[in-house]
Amino acid sequence: MEFFHVTTEGYVAIVTINRPPANALSSAVLKELSSVLDELEQNEHVRVIILRGEGRFFCAGADIKEFTLIETKEEATEVALSGQQLMERVEQFKKPIIAAIHGAALGGGLELAMSCHLRVVAENAKLGLPELQLGIIPGFAGTQRLLRYVGAAKALEMMWTSEPITGTEAVQWGLANVAVPEENVLGAAKQLAEKIARKSPLSIQATLQLLNDAKVHSFHECVKKEAELFGQVFVTEDAKEGISAFIEKRTPQFQGK
């Protein structure tokens, strides 16, 4: 791989974007990320993924130089749709993905971070959607995900002013889960990932499916699906192990079966 480096620690895979100087999301980077997801999806030993950036930034945005090659609105629309499909794939991924954000997550970088399931940020990190400063708008579903996390007023403020917020503010606004000193970001993400990895992969997948279903289905449809998945998960070996471990006052050992 040219732009990504993958290491594993136990059940956790650490995926590092490495495209100096700012880890910009070129079309080649997005394509390679899709390939990385393909591999991790099939790896039964990986239960949780941490996505981070090498160098000074998590990701400072899309590759603006590529934008100069776009000549028609149809080409621009296709670029946006392609990016949206990948961000949706990240959000729909069957294994939890945690964004470990330091430095900056701007534009496409923040759109990628928002498609991840959880976000651990440096207190001094900068997060924003500054596309309006360029006379354009977010194109990788940033308008919709930002709205979902921070509400309409804050989303409009961030986009209309093009001013980033800090990691600490991101937690206060509901955009991130936890803010820590920059040197502790990866460690905090690993701690979170390890806690999640100790759970049954089948239970994790069920909750991910239900939360994603809530984007397109009604409350009543989702609670009906919840009951169905409760039944499916209840008869698994992991459920038997979990209940037995609780009764026997020991730590459960889940196998994803």
C-alpha atoms as a PDB file:
ATOM      1  CA  MET A   1       0.000   0.000   0.000  1.00  0.00           C
ATOM      2  CA  GLU A   2       1.180   3.495  -0.834  1.00  0.00           C
ATOM      3  CA  PHE A   3      -0.820   5.707   1.506  1.00  0.00           C
ATOM      4  CA  PHE A   4      -1.804   3.490   4.442  1.00  0.00           C
ATOM      5  CA  HIS A   5       0.045   1.471   7.039  1.00  0.00           C
ATOM      6  CA  VAL A   6      -1.814  -1.196   9.028  1.00  0.00           C
ATOM      7  CA  THR A   7      -0.672  -2.798  12.282  1.00  0.00           C
ATOM      8  CA  THR A   8      -2.570  -5.001  14.708  1.00  0.00           C
ATOM      9  CA  GLU A   9      -2.476  -5.209  18.476  1.00  0.00           C
ATOM     10  CA  GLY A  10      -4.633  -8.063  19.713  1.00  0.00           C
ATOM     11  CA  TYR A  11      -8.074  -7.631  18.169  1.00  0.00           C
ATOM     12  CA  VAL A  12      -7.404  -3.977  17.251  1.00  0.00           C
ATOM     13  CA  ALA A  13      -6.144  -2.814  13.837  1.00  0.00           C
ATOM     14  CA  ILE A  14      -4.458   0.591  13.656  1.00  0.00           C
ATOM     15  CA  VAL A  15      -4.790   2.141  10.191  1.00  0.00           C
ATOM     16  CA  THR A  16      -2.493   5.118   9.600  1.00  0.00           C
ATOM     17  CA  ILE A  17      -2.927   7.579   6.736  1.00  0.00           C
ATOM     18  CA  ASN A  18       0.531   8.526   5.466  1.00  0.00           C
ATOM     19  CA  ARG A  19       0.448  11.080   2.667  1.00  0.00           C
ATOM     20  CA  PRO A  20       2.661  14.036   3.603  1.00  0.00           C
ATOM     21  CA  PRO A  21       2.381  16.842   4.266  1.00  0.00           C
ATOM     22  CA  ALA A  22      -1.307  16.937   5.234  1.00  0.00           C
ATOM     23  CA  ASN A  23      -2.748  13.469   4.458  1.00  0.00           C
ATOM     24  CA  ALA A  24      -5.035  15.019   1.846  1.00  0.00           C
ATOM     25  CA  LEU A  25      -7.769  12.772   0.474  1.00  0.00           C
ATOM     26  CA  SER A  26      -6.921  12.377  -3.185  1.00  0.00           C
ATOM     27  CA  SER A  27      -8.923   9.966  -5.321  1.00  0.00           C
ATOM     28  CA  ALA A  28      -6.052   7.481  -5.025  1.00  0.00           C
ATOM     29  CA  VAL A  29      -6.121   7.736  -1.226  1.00  0.00           C
ATOM     30  CA  LEU A  30      -9.861   7.118  -1.136  1.00  0.00           C
ATOM     31  CA  LYS A  31      -9.504   4.132  -3.459  1.00  0.00           C
ATOM     32  CA  GLU A  32      -6.771   2.631  -1.317  1.00  0.00           C
ATOM     33  CA  LEU A  33      -8.804   3.168   1.848  1.00  0.00           C
ATOM     34  CA  SER A  34     -11.587   1.138   0.244  1.00  0.00           C
ATOM     35  CA  SER A  35      -9.098  -1.683  -0.356  1.00  0.00           C
ATOM     36  CA  VAL A  36      -7.930  -1.500   3.264  1.00  0.00           C
ATOM     37  CA  LEU A  37     -11.531  -1.852   4.425  1.00  0.00           C
ATOM     38  CA  ASP A  38     -11.963  -4.876   2.148  1.00  0.00           C
ATOM     39  CA  GLU A  39      -9.058  -6.623   3.827  1.00  0.00           C
ATOM     40  CA  LEU A  40     -10.063  -5.741   7.375  1.00  0.00           C
ATOM     41  CA  GLU A  41     -13.643  -6.803   6.772  1.00  0.00           C
ATOM     42  CA  GLN A  42     -12.481 -10.334   5.969  1.00  0.00           C
ATOM     43  CA  ASN A  43      -9.956 -10.531   8.820  1.00  0.00           C
ATOM     44  CA  GLU A  44     -11.660 -12.464  11.618  1.00  0.00           C
ATOM     45  CA  HIS A  45      -8.923 -11.504  14.067  1.00  0.00           C
ATOM     46  CA  VAL A  46      -9.754  -7.787  13.764  1.00  0.00           C
ATOM     47  CA  ARG A  47     -12.714  -6.627  15.822  1.00  0.00           C
ATOM     48  CA  VAL A  48     -12.094  -2.860  16.106  1.00  0.00           C
ATOM     49  CA  ILE A  49     -10.280  -0.376  13.848  1.00  0.00           C
ATOM     50  CA  ILE A  50      -8.503   2.843  14.792  1.00  0.00           C
ATOM     51  CA  LEU A  51      -8.014   5.359  11.964  1.00  0.00           C
ATOM     52  CA  ARG A  52      -5.293   7.963  12.504  1.00  0.00           C
ATOM     53  CA  GLY A  53      -2.992  10.256  10.559  1.00  0.00           C
ATOM     54  CA  GLU A  54       0.802  10.256  10.382  1.00  0.00           C
ATOM     55  CA  GLY A  55       2.671  13.504  10.914  1.00  0.00           C
ATOM     56  CA  ARG A  56       1.130  16.801  11.966  1.00  0.00           C
ATOM     57  CA  PHE A  57      -2.493  16.114  10.995  1.00  0.00           C
ATOM     58  CA  PHE A  58      -5.240  13.546  11.034  1.00  0.00           C
ATOM     59  CA  CYS A  59      -6.314  14.828   7.622  1.00  0.00           C
ATOM     60  CA  ALA A  60      -6.379  18.432   6.431  1.00  0.00           C
ATOM     61  CA  GLY A  61      -8.993  17.827   3.725  1.00  0.00           C
ATOM     62  CA  ALA A  62      -9.495  16.866   0.120  1.00  0.00           C
ATOM     63  CA  ASP A  63      -6.749  17.242  -2.479  1.00  0.00           C
ATOM     64  CA  ILE A  64      -7.459  20.760  -3.776  1.00  0.00           C
ATOM     65  CA  LYS A  65      -5.002  20.332  -6.636  1.00  0.00           C
ATOM     66  CA  GLU A  66      -7.248  17.619  -8.073  1.00  0.00           C
ATOM     67  CA  PHE A  67     -10.133  20.085  -8.042  1.00  0.00           C
ATOM     68  CA  THR A  68      -8.354  22.141 -10.697  1.00  0.00           C
ATOM     69  CA  LEU A  69      -8.722  19.207 -13.105  1.00  0.00           C
ATOM     70  CA  ILE A  70     -12.529  19.138 -12.810  1.00  0.00           C
ATOM     71  CA  GLU A  71     -14.162  20.989 -15.698  1.00  0.00           C
ATOM     72  CA  THR A  72     -17.889  20.157 -15.622  1.00  0.00           C
ATOM     73  CA  LYS A  73     -20.631  19.967 -13.037  1.00  0.00           C
ATOM     74  CA  GLU A  74     -21.129  16.306 -13.960  1.00  0.00           C
ATOM     75  CA  GLU A  75     -17.510  15.543 -13.093  1.00  0.00           C
ATOM     76  CA  ALA A  76     -17.812  17.448  -9.832  1.00  0.00           C
ATOM     77  CA  THR A  77     -21.015  15.611  -8.951  1.00  0.00           C
ATOM     78  CA  GLU A  78     -19.331  12.272  -9.629  1.00  0.00           C
ATOM     79  CA  VAL A  79     -16.441  13.198  -7.321  1.00  0.00           C
ATOM     80  CA  ALA A  80     -18.911  13.993  -4.541  1.00  0.00           C
ATOM     81  CA  LEU A  81     -20.932  10.816  -5.076  1.00  0.00           C
ATOM     82  CA  SER A  82     -17.810   8.680  -5.040  1.00  0.00           C
ATOM     83  CA  GLY A  83     -16.671  10.239  -1.777  1.00  0.00           C
ATOM     84  CA  GLN A  84     -20.134   9.879  -0.269  1.00  0.00           C
ATOM     85  CA  GLN A  85     -20.219   6.179  -1.113  1.00  0.00           C
ATOM     86  CA  LEU A  86     -16.940   5.581   0.705  1.00  0.00           C
ATOM     87  CA  MET A  87     -18.014   7.612   3.763  1.00  0.00           C
ATOM     88  CA  GLU A  88     -21.256   5.646   3.869  1.00  0.00           C
ATOM     89  CA  ARG A  89     -19.286   2.414   3.674  1.00  0.00           C
ATOM     90  CA  VAL A  90     -17.217   3.497   6.679  1.00  0.00           C
ATOM     91  CA  GLU A  91     -20.354   4.330   8.651  1.00  0.00           C
ATOM     92  CA  GLN A  92     -22.045   1.066   7.623  1.00  0.00           C
ATOM     93  CA  PHE A  93     -18.926  -1.023   8.366  1.00  0.00           C
ATOM     94  CA  LYS A  94     -19.690  -4.074  10.511  1.00  0.00           C
ATOM     95  CA  LYS A  95     -16.736  -3.431  12.809  1.00  0.00           C
ATOM     96  CA  PRO A  96     -16.386  -0.299  14.959  1.00  0.00           C
ATOM     97  CA  ILE A  97     -14.084   2.369  13.527  1.00  0.00           C
ATOM     98  CA  ILE A  98     -12.605   4.954  15.883  1.00  0.00           C
ATOM     99  CA  ALA A  99     -11.064   8.145  14.503  1.00  0.00           C
ATOM    100  CA  ALA A 100      -8.026   9.229  16.545  1.00  0.00           C
ATOM    101  CA  ILE A 101      -7.704  12.915  15.656  1.00  0.00           C
ATOM    102  CA  HIS A 102      -4.718  15.157  16.279  1.00  0.00           C
ATOM    103  CA  GLY A 103      -3.612  18.338  14.560  1.00  0.00           C
ATOM    104  CA  ALA A 104      -6.535  18.969  12.247  1.00  0.00           C
ATOM    105  CA  ALA A 105      -9.524  17.285  10.643  1.00  0.00           C
ATOM    106  CA  LEU A 106     -10.757  19.772   8.084  1.00  0.00           C
ATOM    107  CA  GLY A 107     -13.084  19.532   5.083  1.00  0.00           C
ATOM    108  CA  GLY A 108     -12.931  16.014   3.710  1.00  0.00           C
ATOM    109  CA  GLY A 109     -10.851  15.042   6.732  1.00  0.00           C
ATOM    110  CA  LEU A 110     -13.689  15.945   9.088  1.00  0.00           C
ATOM    111  CA  GLU A 111     -16.179  14.253   6.771  1.00  0.00           C
ATOM    112  CA  LEU A 112     -14.119  11.075   7.050  1.00  0.00           C
ATOM    113  CA  ALA A 113     -13.887  11.431  10.833  1.00  0.00           C
ATOM    114  CA  MET A 114     -17.650  11.971  11.097  1.00  0.00           C
ATOM    115  CA  SER A 115     -18.311   8.779   9.151  1.00  0.00           C
ATOM    116  CA  CYS A 116     -16.347   6.832  11.779  1.00  0.00           C
ATOM    117  CA  HIS A 117     -18.408   5.492  14.663  1.00  0.00           C
ATOM    118  CA  LEU A 118     -16.472   7.203  17.477  1.00  0.00           C
ATOM    119  CA  ARG A 119     -13.997  10.090  17.685  1.00  0.00           C
ATOM    120  CA  VAL A 120     -11.138  10.584  20.153  1.00  0.00           C
ATOM    121  CA  VAL A 121      -9.633  14.052  19.687  1.00  0.00           C
ATOM    122  CA  ALA A 122      -6.715  16.092  20.910  1.00  0.00           C
ATOM    123  CA  GLU A 123      -7.883  18.988  23.053  1.00  0.00           C
ATOM    124  CA  ASN A 124      -6.092  21.425  20.738  1.00  0.00           C
ATOM    125  CA  ALA A 125      -7.098  19.757  17.460  1.00  0.00           C
ATOM    126  CA  LYS A 126      -8.906  21.863  14.862  1.00  0.00           C
ATOM    127  CA  LEU A 127     -12.102  20.483  13.337  1.00  0.00           C
ATOM    128  CA  GLY A 128     -14.069  22.269  10.659  1.00  0.00           C
ATOM    129  CA  LEU A 129     -15.698  22.410   7.255  1.00  0.00           C
ATOM    130  CA  PRO A 130     -14.063  25.439   5.574  1.00  0.00           C
ATOM    131  CA  GLU A 131     -15.264  24.690   2.032  1.00  0.00           C
ATOM    132  CA  LEU A 132     -17.286  27.909   1.762  1.00  0.00           C
ATOM    133  CA  GLN A 133     -13.997  29.792   2.028  1.00  0.00           C
ATOM    134  CA  LEU A 134     -13.225  28.302  -1.413  1.00  0.00           C
ATOM    135  CA  GLY A 135     -16.611  29.201  -2.841  1.00  0.00           C
ATOM    136  CA  ILE A 136     -17.824  25.583  -2.717  1.00  0.00           C
ATOM    137  CA  ILE A 137     -19.656  23.394  -0.194  1.00  0.00           C
ATOM    138  CA  PRO A 138     -18.903  20.091   1.535  1.00  0.00           C
ATOM    139  CA  GLY A 139     -19.481  17.194  -0.831  1.00  0.00           C
ATOM    140  CA  PHE A 140     -18.844  13.976   1.106  1.00  0.00           C
ATOM    141  CA  ALA A 141     -22.112  14.181   3.120  1.00  0.00           C
ATOM    142  CA  GLY A 142     -20.537  16.662   5.538  1.00  0.00           C
ATOM    143  CA  THR A 143     -23.590  18.917   5.667  1.00  0.00           C
ATOM    144  CA  GLN A 144     -25.796  16.041   6.779  1.00  0.00           C
ATOM    145  CA  ARG A 145     -23.491  14.364   9.283  1.00  0.00           C
ATOM    146  CA  LEU A 146     -22.501  17.650  10.918  1.00  0.00           C
ATOM    147  CA  LEU A 147     -26.193  18.545  11.254  1.00  0.00           C
ATOM    148  CA  ARG A 148     -26.843  15.189  12.901  1.00  0.00           C
ATOM    149  CA  TYR A 149     -24.079  15.673  15.464  1.00  0.00           C
ATOM    150  CA  VAL A 150     -24.269  19.358  16.415  1.00  0.00           C
ATOM    151  CA  GLY A 151     -27.681  20.582  15.251  1.00  0.00           C
ATOM    152  CA  ALA A 152     -28.637  23.094  12.578  1.00  0.00           C
ATOM    153  CA  ALA A 153     -27.469  26.318  14.223  1.00  0.00           C
ATOM    154  CA  LYS A 154     -23.969  25.083  15.083  1.00  0.00           C
ATOM    155  CA  ALA A 155     -23.589  23.328  11.727  1.00  0.00           C
ATOM    156  CA  LEU A 156     -24.445  26.496   9.846  1.00  0.00           C
ATOM    157  CA  GLU A 157     -22.139  28.563  12.061  1.00  0.00           C
ATOM    158  CA  MET A 158     -19.201  26.230  11.369  1.00  0.00           C
ATOM    159  CA  MET A 159     -19.812  26.177   7.618  1.00  0.00           C
ATOM    160  CA  TRP A 160     -20.728  29.840   7.138  1.00  0.00           C
ATOM    161  CA  THR A 161     -17.789  31.198   9.146  1.00  0.00           C
ATOM    162  CA  SER A 162     -15.322  28.511   7.965  1.00  0.00           C
ATOM    163  CA  GLU A 163     -13.817  28.730  11.443  1.00  0.00           C
ATOM    164  CA  PRO A 164     -12.705  25.454  13.049  1.00  0.00           C
ATOM    165  CA  ILE A 165     -13.519  24.426  16.590  1.00  0.00           C
ATOM    166  CA  THR A 166     -11.126  22.806  19.053  1.00  0.00           C
ATOM    167  CA  GLY A 167     -11.250  19.195  20.140  1.00  0.00           C
ATOM    168  CA  THR A 168     -12.517  20.310  23.535  1.00  0.00           C
ATOM    169  CA  GLU A 169     -15.360  22.236  21.885  1.00  0.00           C
ATOM    170  CA  ALA A 170     -16.089  19.244  19.635  1.00  0.00           C
ATOM    171  CA  VAL A 171     -16.817  17.134  22.714  1.00  0.00           C
ATOM    172  CA  GLN A 172     -18.996  19.878  24.198  1.00  0.00           C
ATOM    173  CA  TRP A 173     -20.990  20.103  20.961  1.00  0.00           C
ATOM    174  CA  GLY A 174     -21.440  16.328  20.595  1.00  0.00           C
ATOM    175  CA  LEU A 175     -19.096  16.003  17.618  1.00  0.00           C
ATOM    176  CA  ALA A 176     -16.500  13.918  19.468  1.00  0.00           C
ATOM    177  CA  ASN A 177     -16.564  11.442  22.329  1.00  0.00           C
ATOM    178  CA  VAL A 178     -13.536  12.428  24.388  1.00  0.00           C
ATOM    179  CA  ALA A 179     -10.773  15.052  24.255  1.00  0.00           C
ATOM    180  CA  VAL A 180      -7.319  14.383  25.696  1.00  0.00           C
ATOM    181  CA  PRO A 181      -3.871  15.992  25.478  1.00  0.00           C
ATOM    182  CA  GLU A 182      -2.416  15.475  22.002  1.00  0.00           C
ATOM    183  CA  GLU A 183       0.244  13.030  23.170  1.00  0.00           C
ATOM    184  CA  ASN A 184      -2.464  10.779  24.655  1.00  0.00           C
ATOM    185  CA  VAL A 185      -4.785  10.555  21.637  1.00  0.00           C
ATOM    186  CA  LEU A 186      -3.628   7.203  20.300  1.00  0.00           C
ATOM    187  CA  GLY A 187      -3.386   5.703  23.774  1.00  0.00           C
ATOM    188  CA  ALA A 188      -6.920   6.816  24.640  1.00  0.00           C
ATOM    189  CA  ALA A 189      -8.208   5.423  21.340  1.00  0.00           C
ATOM    190  CA  LYS A 190      -6.500   2.096  22.053  1.00  0.00           C
ATOM    191  CA  GLN A 191      -8.040   1.907  25.521  1.00  0.00           C
ATOM    192  CA  LEU A 192     -11.476   2.531  24.061  1.00  0.00           C
ATOM    193  CA  ALA A 193     -10.901   0.030  21.253  1.00  0.00           C
ATOM    194  CA  GLU A 194      -9.758  -2.666  23.660  1.00  0.00           C
ATOM    195  CA  LYS A 195     -12.874  -2.251  25.791  1.00  0.00           C
ATOM    196  CA  ILE A 196     -15.043  -2.648  22.703  1.00  0.00           C
ATOM    197  CA  ALA A 197     -13.007  -5.589  21.400  1.00  0.00           C
ATOM    198  CA  ARG A 198     -13.756  -7.530  24.585  1.00  0.00           C
ATOM    199  CA  LYS A 199     -17.455  -7.534  23.732  1.00  0.00           C
ATOM    200  CA  SER A 200     -19.098 -10.115  21.498  1.00  0.00           C
ATOM    201  CA  PRO A 201     -18.575  -9.166  17.828  1.00  0.00           C
ATOM    202  CA  LEU A 202     -22.112 -10.385  17.146  1.00  0.00           C
ATOM    203  CA  SER A 203     -23.599  -7.967  19.682  1.00  0.00           C
ATOM    204  CA  ILE A 204     -21.470  -5.133  18.319  1.00  0.00           C
ATOM    205  CA  GLN A 205     -22.642  -5.837  14.772  1.00  0.00           C
ATOM    206  CA  ALA A 206     -26.279  -5.914  15.869  1.00  0.00           C
ATOM    207  CA  THR A 207     -26.072  -2.520  17.564  1.00  0.00           C
ATOM    208  CA  LEU A 208     -24.284  -1.024  14.552  1.00  0.00           C
ATOM    209  CA  GLN A 209     -27.001  -2.329  12.248  1.00  0.00           C
ATOM    210  CA  LEU A 210     -29.771  -0.903  14.418  1.00  0.00           C
ATOM    211  CA  LEU A 211     -28.202   2.548  14.688  1.00  0.00           C
ATOM    212  CA  ASN A 212     -27.670   2.697  10.935  1.00  0.00           C
ATOM    213  CA  ASP A 213     -31.226   1.491  10.317  1.00  0.00           C
ATOM    214  CA  ALA A 214     -32.473   4.449  12.350  1.00  0.00           C
ATOM    215  CA  LYS A 215     -31.277   6.772   9.574  1.00  0.00           C
ATOM    216  CA  VAL A 216     -33.834   5.426   7.113  1.00  0.00           C
ATOM    217  CA  HIS A 217     -36.516   3.571   9.065  1.00  0.00           C
ATOM    218  CA  SER A 218     -39.149   4.645  11.574  1.00  0.00           C
ATOM    219  CA  PHE A 219     -38.892   4.161  15.330  1.00  0.00           C
ATOM    220  CA  HIS A 220     -41.425   1.333  15.287  1.00  0.00           C
ATOM    221  CA  GLU A 221     -39.680  -0.442  12.422  1.00  0.00           C
ATOM    222  CA  CYS A 222     -36.374  -0.229  14.262  1.00  0.00           C
ATOM    223  CA  VAL A 223     -37.682  -1.540  17.586  1.00  0.00           C
ATOM    224  CA  LYS A 224     -39.266  -4.452  15.738  1.00  0.00           C
ATOM    225  CA  LYS A 225     -35.886  -5.163  14.159  1.00  0.00           C
ATOM    226  CA  GLU A 226     -34.302  -4.840  17.601  1.00  0.00           C
ATOM    227  CA  ALA A 227     -36.536  -7.633  18.885  1.00  0.00           C
ATOM    228  CA  GLU A 228     -35.580  -9.838  15.927  1.00  0.00           C
ATOM    229  CA  LEU A 229     -31.874  -9.256  16.467  1.00  0.00           C
ATOM    230  CA  PHE A 230     -32.278  -9.782  20.215  1.00  0.00           C
ATOM    231  CA  GLY A 231     -33.655 -13.228  19.407  1.00  0.00           C
ATOM    232  CA  GLN A 232     -30.831 -13.994  16.972  1.00  0.00           C
ATOM    233  CA  VAL A 233     -28.105 -12.904  19.368  1.00  0.00           C
ATOM    234  CA  PHE A 234     -29.701 -14.575  22.399  1.00  0.00           C
ATOM    235  CA  VAL A 235     -29.201 -18.095  21.051  1.00  0.00           C
ATOM    236  CA  THR A 236     -25.540 -17.638  20.080  1.00  0.00           C
ATOM    237  CA  GLU A 237     -22.615 -19.271  21.861  1.00  0.00           C
ATOM    238  CA  ASP A 238     -21.412 -15.815  22.884  1.00  0.00           C
ATOM    239  CA  ALA A 239     -24.684 -15.129  24.679  1.00  0.00           C
ATOM    240  CA  LYS A 240     -24.457 -18.432  26.554  1.00  0.00           C
ATOM    241  CA  GLU A 241     -20.855 -17.611  27.477  1.00  0.00           C
ATOM    242  CA  GLY A 242     -21.760 -14.111  28.622  1.00  0.00           C
ATOM    243  CA  ILE A 243     -24.633 -15.244  30.842  1.00  0.00           C
ATOM    244  CA  SER A 244     -22.578 -18.094  32.293  1.00  0.00           C
ATOM    245  CA  ALA A 245     -19.663 -15.773  33.007  1.00  0.00           C
ATOM    246  CA  PHE A 246     -21.972 -13.338  34.806  1.00  0.00           C
ATOM    247  CA  ILE A 247     -23.407 -16.080  37.010  1.00  0.00           C
ATOM    248  CA  GLU A 248     -19.941 -17.527  37.669  1.00  0.00           C
ATOM    249  CA  LYS A 249     -18.488 -14.053  38.366  1.00  0.00           C
ATOM    250  CA  ARG A 250     -15.735 -14.295  35.751  1.00  0.00           C
ATOM    251  CA  THR A 251     -14.723 -12.377  32.623  1.00  0.00           C
ATOM    252  CA  PRO A 252     -16.471 -13.695  29.481  1.00  0.00           C
ATOM    253  CA  GLN A 253     -14.385 -14.930  26.565  1.00  0.00           C
ATOM    254  CA  PHE A 254     -16.365 -14.145  23.412  1.00  0.00           C
ATOM    255  CA  GLN A 255     -15.524 -15.956  20.161  1.00  0.00           C
ATOM    256  CA  GLY A 256     -17.924 -14.290  17.726  1.00  0.00           C
ATOM    257  CA  LYS A 257     -20.067 -17.430  17.399  1.00  0.00           C
END
